[in-house]
PDB file of all heavy atoms in Angstrom:
ATOM      1  N   VAL A   1      33.581 180.144 260.364  1.00  0.00           N
ATOM      2  CA  VAL A   1      33.762 178.992 261.251  1.00  0.00           C
ATOM      3  C   VAL A   1      32.479 178.673 262.017  1.00  0.00           C
ATOM      4  O   VAL A   1      32.119 177.516 262.188  1.00  0.00           O
ATOM      5  CB  VAL A   1      34.946 179.234 262.215  1.00  0.00           C
ATOM      6  CG1 VAL A   1      35.021 178.152 263.273  1.00  0.00           C
ATOM      7  CG2 VAL A   1      36.254 179.315 261.440  1.00  0.00           C
ATOM      8  N   VAL A   2      31.780 179.701 262.449  1.00  0.00           N
ATOM      9  CA  VAL A   2      30.576 179.496 263.253  1.00  0.00           C
ATOM     10  C   VAL A   2      29.386 179.047 262.405  1.00  0.00           C
ATOM     11  O   VAL A   2      28.620 178.192 262.813  1.00  0.00           O
ATOM     12  CB  VAL A   2      30.221 180.781 264.037  1.00  0.00           C
ATOM     13  CG1 VAL A   2      28.859 180.677 264.706  1.00  0.00           C
ATOM     14  CG2 VAL A   2      31.294 181.070 265.081  1.00  0.00           C
ATOM     15  N   HIS A   3      29.249 179.627 261.207  1.00  0.00           N
ATOM     16  CA  HIS A   3      28.019 179.430 260.437  1.00  0.00           C
ATOM     17  C   HIS A   3      28.164 178.596 259.167  1.00  0.00           C
ATOM     18  O   HIS A   3      27.153 178.345 258.504  1.00  0.00           O
ATOM     19  CB  HIS A   3      27.437 180.795 260.044  1.00  0.00           C
ATOM     20  CG  HIS A   3      27.122 181.660 261.216  1.00  0.00           C
ATOM     21  ND1 HIS A   3      26.123 181.368 262.118  1.00  0.00           N
ATOM     22  CD2 HIS A   3      27.699 182.808 261.654  1.00  0.00           C
ATOM     23  CE1 HIS A   3      26.079 182.301 263.059  1.00  0.00           C
ATOM     24  NE2 HIS A   3      27.028 183.182 262.802  1.00  0.00           N
ATOM     25  N   ALA A   4      29.376 178.192 258.808  1.00  0.00           N
ATOM     26  CA  ALA A   4      29.560 177.518 257.517  1.00  0.00           C
ATOM     27  C   ALA A   4      30.364 176.229 257.678  1.00  0.00           C
ATOM     28  O   ALA A   4      31.024 175.997 258.687  1.00  0.00           O
ATOM     29  CB  ALA A   4      30.252 178.448 256.536  1.00  0.00           C
ATOM     30  N   LEU A   5      30.304 175.440 256.638  1.00  0.00           N
ATOM     31  CA  LEU A   5      31.067 174.200 256.558  1.00  0.00           C
ATOM     32  C   LEU A   5      32.493 174.490 256.105  1.00  0.00           C
ATOM     33  O   LEU A   5      32.748 175.506 255.455  1.00  0.00           O
ATOM     34  CB  LEU A   5      30.400 173.253 255.556  1.00  0.00           C
ATOM     35  CG  LEU A   5      28.993 172.776 255.911  1.00  0.00           C
ATOM     36  CD1 LEU A   5      28.345 172.097 254.713  1.00  0.00           C
ATOM     37  CD2 LEU A   5      29.052 171.842 257.107  1.00  0.00           C
ATOM     38  N   PRO A   6      33.435 173.577 256.407  1.00  0.00           N
ATOM     39  CA  PRO A   6      34.788 173.727 255.869  1.00  0.00           C
ATOM     40  C   PRO A   6      34.773 173.495 254.364  1.00  0.00           C
ATOM     41  O   PRO A   6      33.809 172.923 253.848  1.00  0.00           O
ATOM     42  CB  PRO A   6      35.582 172.647 256.593  1.00  0.00           C
ATOM     43  CG  PRO A   6      34.609 171.763 257.272  1.00  0.00           C
ATOM     44  CD  PRO A   6      33.267 172.430 257.271  1.00  0.00           C
ATOM     45  N   PRO A   7      35.808 173.909 253.677  1.00  0.00           N
ATOM     46  CA  PRO A   7      37.019 174.550 254.178  1.00  0.00           C
ATOM     47  C   PRO A   7      36.811 176.045 254.400  1.00  0.00           C
ATOM     48  O   PRO A   7      35.852 176.626 253.900  1.00  0.00           O
ATOM     49  CB  PRO A   7      38.017 174.323 253.044  1.00  0.00           C
ATOM     50  CG  PRO A   7      37.161 174.341 251.808  1.00  0.00           C
ATOM     51  CD  PRO A   7      35.858 173.690 252.225  1.00  0.00           C
ATOM     52  N   VAL A   8      37.755 176.650 255.117  1.00  0.00           N
ATOM     53  CA  VAL A   8      37.791 178.102 255.297  1.00  0.00           C
ATOM     54  C   VAL A   8      39.143 178.570 254.758  1.00  0.00           C
ATOM     55  O   VAL A   8      40.184 178.038 255.146  1.00  0.00           O
ATOM     56  CB  VAL A   8      37.642 178.510 256.770  1.00  0.00           C
ATOM     57  CG1 VAL A   8      37.768 180.015 256.932  1.00  0.00           C
ATOM     58  CG2 VAL A   8      36.313 178.023 257.319  1.00  0.00           C
ATOM     59  N   VAL A   9      39.105 179.529 253.833  1.00  0.00           N
ATOM     60  CA  VAL A   9      40.335 180.021 253.213  1.00  0.00           C
ATOM     61  C   VAL A   9      40.311 181.545 253.213  1.00  0.00           C
ATOM     62  O   VAL A   9      39.323 182.158 252.803  1.00  0.00           O
ATOM     63  CB  VAL A   9      40.479 179.512 251.755  1.00  0.00           C
ATOM     64  CG1 VAL A   9      41.798 179.982 251.148  1.00  0.00           C
ATOM     65  CG2 VAL A   9      40.371 177.995 251.702  1.00  0.00           C
ATOM     66  N   LEU A  10      41.408 182.149 253.672  1.00  0.00           N
ATOM     67  CA  LEU A  10      41.575 183.596 253.657  1.00  0.00           C
ATOM     68  C   LEU A  10      42.376 183.996 252.431  1.00  0.00           C
ATOM     69  O   LEU A  10      43.399 183.372 252.127  1.00  0.00           O
ATOM     70  CB  LEU A  10      42.329 184.047 254.920  1.00  0.00           C
ATOM     71  CG  LEU A  10      42.816 185.496 254.937  1.00  0.00           C
ATOM     72  CD1 LEU A  10      41.650 186.469 254.972  1.00  0.00           C
ATOM     73  CD2 LEU A  10      43.760 185.716 256.116  1.00  0.00           C
ATOM     74  N   HIS A  11      41.908 185.035 251.724  1.00  0.00           N
ATOM     75  CA  HIS A  11      42.644 185.617 250.601  1.00  0.00           C
ATOM     76  C   HIS A  11      42.691 187.124 250.795  1.00  0.00           C
ATOM     77  O   HIS A  11      41.679 187.737 251.156  1.00  0.00           O
ATOM     78  CB  HIS A  11      41.939 185.336 249.261  1.00  0.00           C
ATOM     79  CG  HIS A  11      41.876 183.895 248.909  1.00  0.00           C
ATOM     80  ND1 HIS A  11      42.911 183.226 248.324  1.00  0.00           N
ATOM     81  CD2 HIS A  11      40.889 182.988 249.072  1.00  0.00           C
ATOM     82  CE1 HIS A  11      42.564 181.969 248.133  1.00  0.00           C
ATOM     83  NE2 HIS A  11      41.338 181.794 248.582  1.00  0.00           N
ATOM     84  N   LEU A  12      43.856 187.718 250.552  1.00  0.00           N
ATOM     85  CA  LEU A  12      44.015 189.173 250.566  1.00  0.00           C
ATOM     86  C   LEU A  12      44.533 189.608 249.211  1.00  0.00           C
ATOM     87  O   LEU A  12      45.352 188.916 248.607  1.00  0.00           O
ATOM     88  CB  LEU A  12      45.022 189.594 251.651  1.00  0.00           C
ATOM     89  CG  LEU A  12      44.707 189.182 253.081  1.00  0.00           C
ATOM     90  CD1 LEU A  12      45.858 189.566 254.003  1.00  0.00           C
ATOM     91  CD2 LEU A  12      43.414 189.817 253.543  1.00  0.00           C
ATOM     92  N   HIS A  13      44.065 190.774 248.745  1.00  0.00           N
ATOM     93  CA  HIS A  13      44.496 191.326 247.460  1.00  0.00           C
ATOM     94  C   HIS A  13      44.745 192.817 247.611  1.00  0.00           C
ATOM     95  O   HIS A  13      43.984 193.502 248.287  1.00  0.00           O
ATOM     96  CB  HIS A  13      43.403 191.149 246.393  1.00  0.00           C
ATOM     97  CG  HIS A  13      42.983 189.743 246.165  1.00  0.00           C
ATOM     98  ND1 HIS A  13      43.569 188.941 245.226  1.00  0.00           N
ATOM     99  CD2 HIS A  13      42.044 188.988 246.771  1.00  0.00           C
ATOM    100  CE1 HIS A  13      42.996 187.751 245.258  1.00  0.00           C
ATOM    101  NE2 HIS A  13      42.065 187.758 246.184  1.00  0.00           N
ATOM    102  N   ALA A  14      45.807 193.300 246.966  1.00  0.00           N
ATOM    103  CA  ALA A  14      46.077 194.736 246.892  1.00  0.00           C
ATOM    104  C   ALA A  14      46.905 194.983 245.642  1.00  0.00           C
ATOM    105  O   ALA A  14      47.719 194.144 245.240  1.00  0.00           O
ATOM    106  CB  ALA A  14      46.825 195.227 248.124  1.00  0.00           C
ATOM    107  N   ALA A  15      46.705 196.141 245.016  1.00  0.00           N
ATOM    108  CA  ALA A  15      47.507 196.512 243.857  1.00  0.00           C
ATOM    109  C   ALA A  15      48.947 196.705 244.303  1.00  0.00           C
ATOM    110  O   ALA A  15      49.214 197.193 245.405  1.00  0.00           O
ATOM    111  CB  ALA A  15      46.964 197.780 243.212  1.00  0.00           C
ATOM    112  N   ALA A  16      49.895 196.329 243.466  1.00  0.00           N
ATOM    113  CA  ALA A  16      51.309 196.389 243.828  1.00  0.00           C
ATOM    114  C   ALA A  16      51.776 197.801 244.124  1.00  0.00           C
ATOM    115  O   ALA A  16      52.639 198.010 244.967  1.00  0.00           O
ATOM    116  CB  ALA A  16      52.164 195.775 242.724  1.00  0.00           C
ATOM    117  N   ASP A  17      51.212 198.784 243.461  1.00  0.00           N
ATOM    118  CA  ASP A  17      51.692 200.159 243.623  1.00  0.00           C
ATOM    119  C   ASP A  17      50.737 201.024 244.437  1.00  0.00           C
ATOM    120  O   ASP A  17      50.831 202.234 244.429  1.00  0.00           O
ATOM    121  CB  ASP A  17      51.912 200.791 242.247  1.00  0.00           C
ATOM    122  CG  ASP A  17      50.637 200.786 241.401  1.00  0.00           C
ATOM    123  OD1 ASP A  17      49.648 200.132 241.804  1.00  0.00           O
ATOM    124  OD2 ASP A  17      50.639 201.424 240.347  1.00  0.00           O
ATOM    125  N   ASP A  18      49.817 200.387 245.168  1.00  0.00           N
ATOM    126  CA  ASP A  18      48.786 201.159 245.864  1.00  0.00           C
ATOM    127  C   ASP A  18      48.395 200.442 247.151  1.00  0.00           C
ATOM    128  O   ASP A  18      47.958 199.307 247.118  1.00  0.00           O
ATOM    129  CB  ASP A  18      47.565 201.283 244.943  1.00  0.00           C
ATOM    130  CG  ASP A  18      46.431 202.089 245.556  1.00  0.00           C
ATOM    131  OD1 ASP A  18      46.653 202.777 246.557  1.00  0.00           O
ATOM    132  OD2 ASP A  18      45.317 202.010 245.015  1.00  0.00           O
ATOM    133  N   THR A  19      48.578 201.111 248.287  1.00  0.00           N
ATOM    134  CA  THR A  19      48.154 200.525 249.558  1.00  0.00           C
ATOM    135  C   THR A  19      46.842 201.130 250.028  1.00  0.00           C
ATOM    136  O   THR A  19      46.447 200.968 251.159  1.00  0.00           O
ATOM    137  CB  THR A  19      49.225 200.726 250.648  1.00  0.00           C
ATOM    138  OG1 THR A  19      49.450 202.123 250.808  1.00  0.00           O
ATOM    139  CG2 THR A  19      50.492 199.998 250.319  1.00  0.00           C
ATOM    140  N   SER A  20      46.151 201.850 249.142  1.00  0.00           N
ATOM    141  CA  SER A  20      44.928 202.516 249.577  1.00  0.00           C
ATOM    142  C   SER A  20      43.700 201.604 249.549  1.00  0.00           C
ATOM    143  O   SER A  20      42.698 201.938 250.157  1.00  0.00           O
ATOM    144  CB  SER A  20      44.675 203.763 248.732  1.00  0.00           C
ATOM    145  OG  SER A  20      44.427 203.411 247.393  1.00  0.00           O
ATOM    146  N   HIS A  21      43.758 200.490 248.860  1.00  0.00           N
ATOM    147  CA  HIS A  21      42.633 199.557 248.819  1.00  0.00           C
ATOM    148  C   HIS A  21      43.123 198.138 249.071  1.00  0.00           C
ATOM    149  O   HIS A  21      44.064 197.687 248.430  1.00  0.00           O
ATOM    150  CB  HIS A  21      41.915 199.595 247.464  1.00  0.00           C
ATOM    151  CG  HIS A  21      41.182 200.864 247.242  1.00  0.00           C
ATOM    152  ND1 HIS A  21      41.770 201.959 246.664  1.00  0.00           N
ATOM    153  CD2 HIS A  21      39.919 201.228 247.539  1.00  0.00           C
ATOM    154  CE1 HIS A  21      40.887 202.943 246.609  1.00  0.00           C
ATOM    155  NE2 HIS A  21      39.761 202.529 247.133  1.00  0.00           N
ATOM    156  N   VAL A  22      42.480 197.474 249.997  1.00  0.00           N
ATOM    157  CA  VAL A  22      42.779 196.078 250.287  1.00  0.00           C
ATOM    158  C   VAL A  22      41.466 195.311 250.228  1.00  0.00           C
ATOM    159  O   VAL A  22      40.460 195.752 250.779  1.00  0.00           O
ATOM    160  CB  VAL A  22      43.407 195.914 251.694  1.00  0.00           C
ATOM    161  CG1 VAL A  22      43.588 194.445 252.038  1.00  0.00           C
ATOM    162  CG2 VAL A  22      44.730 196.654 251.777  1.00  0.00           C
ATOM    163  N   GLN A  23      41.494 194.191 249.534  1.00  0.00           N
ATOM    164  CA  GLN A  23      40.324 193.322 249.486  1.00  0.00           C
ATOM    165  C   GLN A  23      40.570 192.106 250.379  1.00  0.00           C
ATOM    166  O   GLN A  23      41.634 191.492 250.318  1.00  0.00           O
ATOM    167  CB  GLN A  23      40.056 192.834 248.067  1.00  0.00           C
ATOM    168  CG  GLN A  23      39.597 193.913 247.129  1.00  0.00           C
ATOM    169  CD  GLN A  23      39.318 193.346 245.746  1.00  0.00           C
ATOM    170  OE1 GLN A  23      39.773 192.273 245.384  1.00  0.00           O
ATOM    171  NE2 GLN A  23      38.550 194.087 244.979  1.00  0.00           N
ATOM    172  N   VAL A  24      39.586 191.804 251.200  1.00  0.00           N
ATOM    173  CA  VAL A  24      39.618 190.627 252.064  1.00  0.00           C
ATOM    174  C   VAL A  24      38.558 189.668 251.540  1.00  0.00           C
ATOM    175  O   VAL A  24      37.410 190.063 251.326  1.00  0.00           O
ATOM    176  CB  VAL A  24      39.295 190.999 253.531  1.00  0.00           C
ATOM    177  CG1 VAL A  24      39.249 189.746 254.398  1.00  0.00           C
ATOM    178  CG2 VAL A  24      40.290 192.018 254.068  1.00  0.00           C
ATOM    179  N   HIS A  25      38.957 188.434 251.311  1.00  0.00           N
ATOM    180  CA  HIS A  25      38.022 187.385 250.891  1.00  0.00           C
ATOM    181  C   HIS A  25      38.164 186.223 251.866  1.00  0.00           C
ATOM    182  O   HIS A  25      39.277 185.788 252.142  1.00  0.00           O
ATOM    183  CB  HIS A  25      38.354 186.869 249.481  1.00  0.00           C
ATOM    184  CG  HIS A  25      38.183 187.875 248.410  1.00  0.00           C
ATOM    185  ND1 HIS A  25      37.074 187.910 247.606  1.00  0.00           N
ATOM    186  CD2 HIS A  25      38.981 188.891 248.005  1.00  0.00           C
ATOM    187  CE1 HIS A  25      37.205 188.912 246.737  1.00  0.00           C
ATOM    188  NE2 HIS A  25      38.353 189.513 246.966  1.00  0.00           N
ATOM    189  N   VAL A  26      37.051 185.721 252.349  1.00  0.00           N
ATOM    190  CA  VAL A  26      37.048 184.503 253.157  1.00  0.00           C
ATOM    191  C   VAL A  26      36.065 183.551 252.489  1.00  0.00           C
ATOM    192  O   VAL A  26      34.875 183.843 252.386  1.00  0.00           O
ATOM    193  CB  VAL A  26      36.656 184.777 254.625  1.00  0.00           C
ATOM    194  CG1 VAL A  26      36.543 183.462 255.395  1.00  0.00           C
ATOM    195  CG2 VAL A  26      37.674 185.700 255.286  1.00  0.00           C
ATOM    196  N   SER A  27      36.597 182.436 252.024  1.00  0.00           N
ATOM    197  CA  SER A  27      35.778 181.429 251.361  1.00  0.00           C
ATOM    198  C   SER A  27      35.450 180.315 252.339  1.00  0.00           C
ATOM    199  O   SER A  27      36.265 179.963 253.189  1.00  0.00           O
ATOM    200  CB  SER A  27      36.526 180.849 250.161  1.00  0.00           C
ATOM    201  OG  SER A  27      36.828 181.863 249.227  1.00  0.00           O
ATOM    202  N   ASP A  28      34.236 179.767 252.187  1.00  0.00           N
ATOM    203  CA  ASP A  28      33.828 178.649 253.042  1.00  0.00           C
ATOM    204  C   ASP A  28      32.984 177.681 252.238  1.00  0.00           C
ATOM    205  O   ASP A  28      32.661 177.931 251.082  1.00  0.00           O
ATOM    206  CB  ASP A  28      33.095 179.142 254.298  1.00  0.00           C
ATOM    207  CG  ASP A  28      31.809 179.893 253.997  1.00  0.00           C
ATOM    208  OD1 ASP A  28      30.958 179.353 253.248  1.00  0.00           O
ATOM    209  OD2 ASP A  28      31.637 181.013 254.512  1.00  0.00           O
ATOM    210  N   GLY A  29      32.641 176.569 252.870  1.00  0.00           N
ATOM    211  CA  GLY A  29      31.895 175.505 252.209  1.00  0.00           C
ATOM    212  C   GLY A  29      30.389 175.664 252.207  1.00  0.00           C
ATOM    213  O   GLY A  29      29.672 174.727 251.869  1.00  0.00           O
ATOM    214  N   GLY A  30      29.886 176.828 252.569  1.00  0.00           N
ATOM    215  CA  GLY A  30      28.444 177.057 252.571  1.00  0.00           C
ATOM    216  C   GLY A  30      27.831 176.818 253.931  1.00  0.00           C
ATOM    217  O   GLY A  30      28.492 176.357 254.858  1.00  0.00           O
ATOM    218  N   PRO A  31      26.548 177.142 254.057  1.00  0.00           N
ATOM    219  CA  PRO A  31      25.882 177.090 255.366  1.00  0.00           C
ATOM    220  C   PRO A  31      25.919 175.710 256.003  1.00  0.00           C
ATOM    221  O   PRO A  31      25.763 174.697 255.327  1.00  0.00           O
ATOM    222  CB  PRO A  31      24.440 177.487 255.053  1.00  0.00           C
ATOM    223  CG  PRO A  31      24.478 178.144 253.733  1.00  0.00           C
ATOM    224  CD  PRO A  31      25.653 177.583 252.998  1.00  0.00           C
ATOM    225  N   GLN A  32      26.127 175.700 257.317  1.00  0.00           N
ATOM    226  CA  GLN A  32      26.048 174.456 258.089  1.00  0.00           C
ATOM    227  C   GLN A  32      24.597 174.050 258.229  1.00  0.00           C
ATOM    228  O   GLN A  32      23.714 174.907 258.277  1.00  0.00           O
ATOM    229  CB  GLN A  32      26.616 174.663 259.498  1.00  0.00           C
ATOM    230  CG  GLN A  32      28.088 174.743 259.577  1.00  0.00           C
ATOM    231  CD  GLN A  32      28.563 174.764 261.026  1.00  0.00           C
ATOM    232  OE1 GLN A  32      27.824 174.487 261.947  1.00  0.00           O
ATOM    233  NE2 GLN A  32      29.820 175.093 261.200  1.00  0.00           N
ATOM    234  N   PRO A  33      24.358 172.755 258.332  1.00  0.00           N
ATOM    235  CA  PRO A  33      23.002 172.335 258.692  1.00  0.00           C
ATOM    236  C   PRO A  33      22.668 172.938 260.057  1.00  0.00           C
ATOM    237  O   PRO A  33      23.553 173.252 260.833  1.00  0.00           O
ATOM    238  CB  PRO A  33      23.100 170.815 258.777  1.00  0.00           C
ATOM    239  CG  PRO A  33      24.386 170.447 258.137  1.00  0.00           C
ATOM    240  CD  PRO A  33      25.268 171.654 258.168  1.00  0.00           C
ATOM    241  N   THR A  34      21.432 173.093 260.340  1.00  0.00           N
ATOM    242  CA  THR A  34      21.011 173.689 261.606  1.00  0.00           C
ATOM    243  C   THR A  34      21.598 172.903 262.763  1.00  0.00           C
ATOM    244  O   THR A  34      21.494 171.681 262.822  1.00  0.00           O
ATOM    245  CB  THR A  34      19.473 173.700 261.701  1.00  0.00           C
ATOM    246  OG1 THR A  34      18.962 174.375 260.564  1.00  0.00           O
ATOM    247  CG2 THR A  34      19.014 174.397 262.956  1.00  0.00           C
ATOM    248  N   THR A  35      22.234 173.646 263.669  1.00  0.00           N
ATOM    249  CA  THR A  35      22.784 173.033 264.870  1.00  0.00           C
ATOM    250  C   THR A  35      22.228 173.774 266.070  1.00  0.00           C
ATOM    251  O   THR A  35      21.759 174.897 265.964  1.00  0.00           O
ATOM    252  CB  THR A  35      24.326 173.127 264.900  1.00  0.00           C
ATOM    253  OG1 THR A  35      24.699 174.503 264.843  1.00  0.00           O
ATOM    254  CG2 THR A  35      24.951 172.379 263.751  1.00  0.00           C
TER     255      THR A  35
END
């Protein structure tokens, strides 16, 4: 939100039979022009 353009999307992933690993992905529209 601070450094990138929209959109911002959160994704979480984990294996169905395993809670030992969780992946967090946050996608954005790339760097904002200098502000």
